[in-house]
């Protein structure tokens, strides 16, 4: 059975400037930005979404967003394929 595509999982959440800046982590994302893909595999509640939305607000490069949940992902998971294939042309 095909996995339904949930559009909200493909959009970067809105940046919230009132939150604590994460300068060191932003620097680490900048350092890794030369690669084609950046993964941030941390448990729920660790601030991944907040960090990436703050970082995305200040970088001048295209960004694709895919929010994954607890389901087990295979190499042909439809949302992952869709996010990569509809993302920036350089991806």
N, C-alpha and C. Protein backbone atom coordinates (compact mmCIF):
# COMPACT_ATOMS: atom_id res chain seq x y z
N UNK A 1 0.84 -1.18 0.00
CA UNK A 1 0.00 0.00 0.00
C UNK A 1 0.88 1.24 0.00
N UNK A 2 0.59 2.20 -0.83
CA UNK A 2 1.38 3.43 -0.95
C UNK A 2 1.21 4.31 0.28
N UNK A 3 2.29 4.99 0.66
CA UNK A 3 2.26 5.93 1.77
C UNK A 3 1.69 7.25 1.28
N UNK A 4 0.66 7.80 1.95
CA UNK A 4 0.11 9.08 1.48
C UNK A 4 1.12 10.21 1.70
N UNK A 5 1.14 11.14 0.76
CA UNK A 5 2.03 12.29 0.84
C UNK A 5 1.35 13.37 1.68
N UNK A 6 1.99 13.77 2.76
CA UNK A 6 1.46 14.81 3.64
C UNK A 6 2.26 16.07 3.37
N UNK A 7 1.61 17.06 2.77
CA UNK A 7 2.30 18.28 2.31
C UNK A 7 3.03 19.00 3.43
N UNK A 8 2.50 19.01 4.63
CA UNK A 8 3.14 19.75 5.73
C UNK A 8 4.52 19.19 6.08
N UNK A 9 4.80 17.97 5.69
CA UNK A 9 6.11 17.38 5.96
C UNK A 9 7.18 17.88 4.99
N UNK A 10 6.78 18.66 3.98
CA UNK A 10 7.69 19.13 2.95
C UNK A 10 8.02 20.61 3.06
N UNK A 11 7.48 21.29 4.05
CA UNK A 11 7.71 22.73 4.19
C UNK A 11 8.47 23.04 5.46
N UNK A 12 9.50 23.86 5.33
CA UNK A 12 10.30 24.28 6.47
C UNK A 12 9.43 25.10 7.42
N UNK A 13 9.41 24.75 8.71
CA UNK A 13 8.63 25.54 9.67
C UNK A 13 9.12 26.98 9.76
N UNK A 14 8.23 27.86 10.15
CA UNK A 14 8.55 29.28 10.23
C UNK A 14 9.61 29.55 11.31
N UNK A 15 10.54 30.44 10.99
CA UNK A 15 11.60 30.87 11.91
C UNK A 15 10.99 31.69 13.04
N UNK A 16 11.45 31.45 14.26
CA UNK A 16 10.97 32.18 15.43
C UNK A 16 12.15 32.93 16.07
N UNK A 17 12.31 34.22 15.77
CA UNK A 17 13.48 34.98 16.22
C UNK A 17 13.58 35.17 17.72
N UNK A 18 12.51 34.94 18.46
CA UNK A 18 12.55 35.14 19.92
C UNK A 18 13.24 34.01 20.67
N UNK A 19 13.58 32.94 19.98
CA UNK A 19 14.23 31.80 20.63
C UNK A 19 15.73 32.03 20.80
N UNK A 20 16.34 31.28 21.69
CA UNK A 20 17.77 31.40 21.98
C UNK A 20 18.60 31.09 20.75
N UNK A 21 19.55 31.97 20.37
CA UNK A 21 20.40 31.69 19.22
C UNK A 21 21.32 30.48 19.49
N UNK A 22 21.56 29.69 18.49
CA UNK A 22 22.41 28.49 18.62
C UNK A 22 23.63 28.67 17.72
N UNK A 23 24.45 29.67 18.01
CA UNK A 23 25.57 30.07 17.15
C UNK A 23 26.53 28.94 16.83
N UNK A 24 26.92 28.16 17.82
CA UNK A 24 27.88 27.07 17.58
C UNK A 24 27.30 26.02 16.64
N UNK A 25 26.04 25.69 16.84
CA UNK A 25 25.42 24.70 15.97
C UNK A 25 25.19 25.24 14.56
N UNK A 26 24.87 26.53 14.46
CA UNK A 26 24.73 27.17 13.14
C UNK A 26 26.07 27.11 12.40
N UNK A 27 27.16 27.36 13.11
CA UNK A 27 28.50 27.28 12.51
C UNK A 27 28.78 25.86 12.00
N UNK A 28 28.36 24.86 12.76
CA UNK A 28 28.56 23.48 12.32
C UNK A 28 27.75 23.17 11.07
N UNK A 29 26.53 23.69 11.00
CA UNK A 29 25.73 23.50 9.78
C UNK A 29 26.38 24.21 8.60
N UNK A 30 26.90 25.41 8.83
CA UNK A 30 27.60 26.13 7.75
C UNK A 30 28.80 25.34 7.26
N UNK A 31 29.54 24.74 8.18
CA UNK A 31 30.73 23.97 7.82
C UNK A 31 30.35 22.73 6.99
N UNK A 32 29.21 22.15 7.27
CA UNK A 32 28.78 20.96 6.55
C UNK A 32 27.97 21.26 5.31
N UNK A 33 27.72 22.52 5.04
CA UNK A 33 26.85 22.90 3.92
C UNK A 33 27.47 22.67 2.55
N UNK A 34 28.74 22.34 2.50
CA UNK A 34 29.37 22.09 1.20
C UNK A 34 28.95 20.73 0.64
N UNK A 35 28.37 19.90 1.48
CA UNK A 35 27.90 18.59 1.01
C UNK A 35 26.56 18.70 0.33
N UNK A 36 26.11 17.61 -0.24
CA UNK A 36 24.83 17.61 -0.97
C UNK A 36 23.65 17.32 -0.06
N UNK A 37 23.91 16.74 1.11
CA UNK A 37 22.81 16.36 2.01
C UNK A 37 23.29 16.49 3.44
N UNK A 38 22.45 17.07 4.28
CA UNK A 38 22.75 17.17 5.71
C UNK A 38 21.63 16.50 6.47
N UNK A 39 21.97 15.55 7.31
CA UNK A 39 21.00 14.87 8.17
C UNK A 39 21.28 15.25 9.62
N UNK A 40 20.22 15.45 10.38
CA UNK A 40 20.35 15.76 11.80
C UNK A 40 19.52 14.73 12.56
N UNK A 41 20.12 13.58 12.85
CA UNK A 41 19.36 12.49 13.47
C UNK A 41 19.38 12.56 15.00
N UNK A 42 18.47 13.29 15.56
CA UNK A 42 18.34 13.40 17.01
C UNK A 42 16.90 13.08 17.40
N UNK A 43 16.70 12.68 18.65
CA UNK A 43 15.33 12.36 19.10
C UNK A 43 14.42 13.59 19.12
N UNK A 44 13.15 13.34 19.23
CA UNK A 44 12.15 14.41 19.32
C UNK A 44 12.45 15.32 20.51
N UNK A 45 12.24 16.61 20.31
CA UNK A 45 12.40 17.57 21.40
C UNK A 45 13.80 18.12 21.58
N UNK A 46 14.75 17.78 20.71
CA UNK A 46 16.13 18.24 20.84
C UNK A 46 16.40 19.55 20.11
N UNK A 47 15.40 20.13 19.43
CA UNK A 47 15.55 21.42 18.79
C UNK A 47 16.01 21.40 17.35
N UNK A 48 15.88 20.26 16.68
CA UNK A 48 16.32 20.16 15.28
C UNK A 48 15.58 21.13 14.38
N UNK A 49 14.27 21.16 14.49
CA UNK A 49 13.47 22.02 13.64
C UNK A 49 13.79 23.49 13.88
N UNK A 50 13.91 23.87 15.13
CA UNK A 50 14.23 25.25 15.49
C UNK A 50 15.60 25.63 14.93
N UNK A 51 16.57 24.75 15.08
CA UNK A 51 17.92 25.00 14.59
C UNK A 51 17.94 25.19 13.08
N UNK A 52 17.34 24.26 12.36
CA UNK A 52 17.41 24.32 10.90
C UNK A 52 16.61 25.49 10.35
N UNK A 53 15.49 25.83 10.96
CA UNK A 53 14.73 26.98 10.45
C UNK A 53 15.50 28.28 10.69
N UNK A 54 16.25 28.39 11.80
CA UNK A 54 17.10 29.56 12.04
C UNK A 54 18.25 29.61 11.04
N UNK A 55 18.86 28.46 10.80
CA UNK A 55 19.98 28.38 9.85
C UNK A 55 19.52 28.72 8.43
N UNK A 56 18.38 28.16 8.03
CA UNK A 56 17.86 28.38 6.68
C UNK A 56 17.54 29.85 6.42
N UNK A 57 17.18 30.56 7.47
CA UNK A 57 16.84 31.98 7.33
C UNK A 57 18.06 32.81 6.95
N UNK A 58 19.26 32.35 7.30
CA UNK A 58 20.46 33.17 7.06
C UNK A 58 21.37 32.66 5.94
N UNK A 59 21.12 31.49 5.40
CA UNK A 59 21.97 31.00 4.32
C UNK A 59 21.41 31.41 2.96
N UNK A 60 22.28 31.53 2.00
CA UNK A 60 21.86 31.90 0.66
C UNK A 60 22.03 30.72 -0.27
N UNK A 61 21.28 29.68 0.00
CA UNK A 61 21.30 28.50 -0.85
C UNK A 61 19.94 27.84 -0.76
N UNK A 62 19.56 27.11 -1.79
CA UNK A 62 18.25 26.45 -1.77
C UNK A 62 18.23 25.32 -0.75
N UNK A 63 17.10 25.13 -0.13
CA UNK A 63 16.95 24.11 0.90
C UNK A 63 15.68 23.30 0.63
N UNK A 64 15.79 21.99 0.70
CA UNK A 64 14.62 21.11 0.67
C UNK A 64 14.40 20.61 2.09
N UNK A 65 13.16 20.46 2.47
CA UNK A 65 12.82 20.05 3.82
C UNK A 65 11.96 18.80 3.77
N UNK A 66 12.30 17.83 4.59
CA UNK A 66 11.45 16.65 4.76
C UNK A 66 11.44 16.29 6.22
N UNK A 67 10.29 16.34 6.82
CA UNK A 67 10.13 15.97 8.22
C UNK A 67 9.76 14.49 8.29
N UNK A 68 10.62 13.71 8.90
CA UNK A 68 10.38 12.26 9.00
C UNK A 68 9.78 11.92 10.36
N UNK A 69 8.94 10.91 10.38
CA UNK A 69 8.38 10.46 11.64
C UNK A 69 8.97 9.10 12.00
N UNK A 70 8.36 8.42 12.93
CA UNK A 70 8.95 7.20 13.48
C UNK A 70 8.82 5.98 12.57
N UNK A 71 8.09 6.09 11.50
CA UNK A 71 7.94 4.93 10.64
C UNK A 71 9.29 4.52 10.05
N UNK A 72 9.44 3.27 9.77
CA UNK A 72 10.68 2.76 9.20
C UNK A 72 10.74 3.15 7.72
N UNK A 73 11.86 3.75 7.33
CA UNK A 73 12.01 4.22 5.96
C UNK A 73 12.86 3.27 5.14
N UNK A 74 12.40 2.95 3.96
CA UNK A 74 13.17 2.15 3.02
C UNK A 74 13.84 3.06 2.01
N UNK A 75 14.68 2.52 1.14
CA UNK A 75 15.41 3.35 0.17
C UNK A 75 14.50 4.03 -0.86
N UNK A 76 13.27 3.56 -1.01
CA UNK A 76 12.38 4.16 -1.99
C UNK A 76 11.16 4.81 -1.33
N UNK A 77 11.31 5.26 -0.10
CA UNK A 77 10.22 5.90 0.63
C UNK A 77 9.71 7.08 -0.19
N UNK A 78 8.43 7.14 -0.54
CA UNK A 78 7.91 8.14 -1.47
C UNK A 78 8.17 9.59 -1.08
N UNK A 79 8.04 9.93 0.19
CA UNK A 79 8.24 11.33 0.57
C UNK A 79 9.68 11.75 0.38
N UNK A 80 10.62 10.87 0.70
CA UNK A 80 12.04 11.19 0.54
C UNK A 80 12.36 11.38 -0.94
N UNK A 81 11.89 10.49 -1.76
CA UNK A 81 12.12 10.60 -3.20
C UNK A 81 11.50 11.90 -3.71
N UNK A 82 10.29 12.22 -3.29
CA UNK A 82 9.62 13.43 -3.75
C UNK A 82 10.39 14.68 -3.32
N UNK A 83 10.82 14.76 -2.07
CA UNK A 83 11.54 15.94 -1.57
C UNK A 83 12.85 16.15 -2.32
N UNK A 84 13.55 15.07 -2.61
CA UNK A 84 14.83 15.20 -3.31
C UNK A 84 14.61 15.55 -4.77
N UNK A 85 13.66 14.92 -5.42
CA UNK A 85 13.46 15.17 -6.85
C UNK A 85 12.78 16.50 -7.14
N UNK A 86 12.08 17.07 -6.20
CA UNK A 86 11.43 18.38 -6.44
C UNK A 86 12.20 19.50 -5.75
N UNK A 87 13.29 19.18 -5.13
CA UNK A 87 14.10 20.19 -4.43
C UNK A 87 14.95 21.00 -5.39
N UNK A 88 15.96 21.67 -4.87
CA UNK A 88 16.82 22.51 -5.70
C UNK A 88 17.46 21.70 -6.83
N UNK A 89 17.62 22.31 -8.01
CA UNK A 89 18.20 21.59 -9.16
C UNK A 89 19.59 21.03 -8.87
N UNK A 90 20.37 21.67 -8.04
CA UNK A 90 21.73 21.21 -7.74
C UNK A 90 21.73 19.94 -6.92
N UNK A 91 20.60 19.60 -6.29
CA UNK A 91 20.52 18.40 -5.47
C UNK A 91 20.45 17.20 -6.37
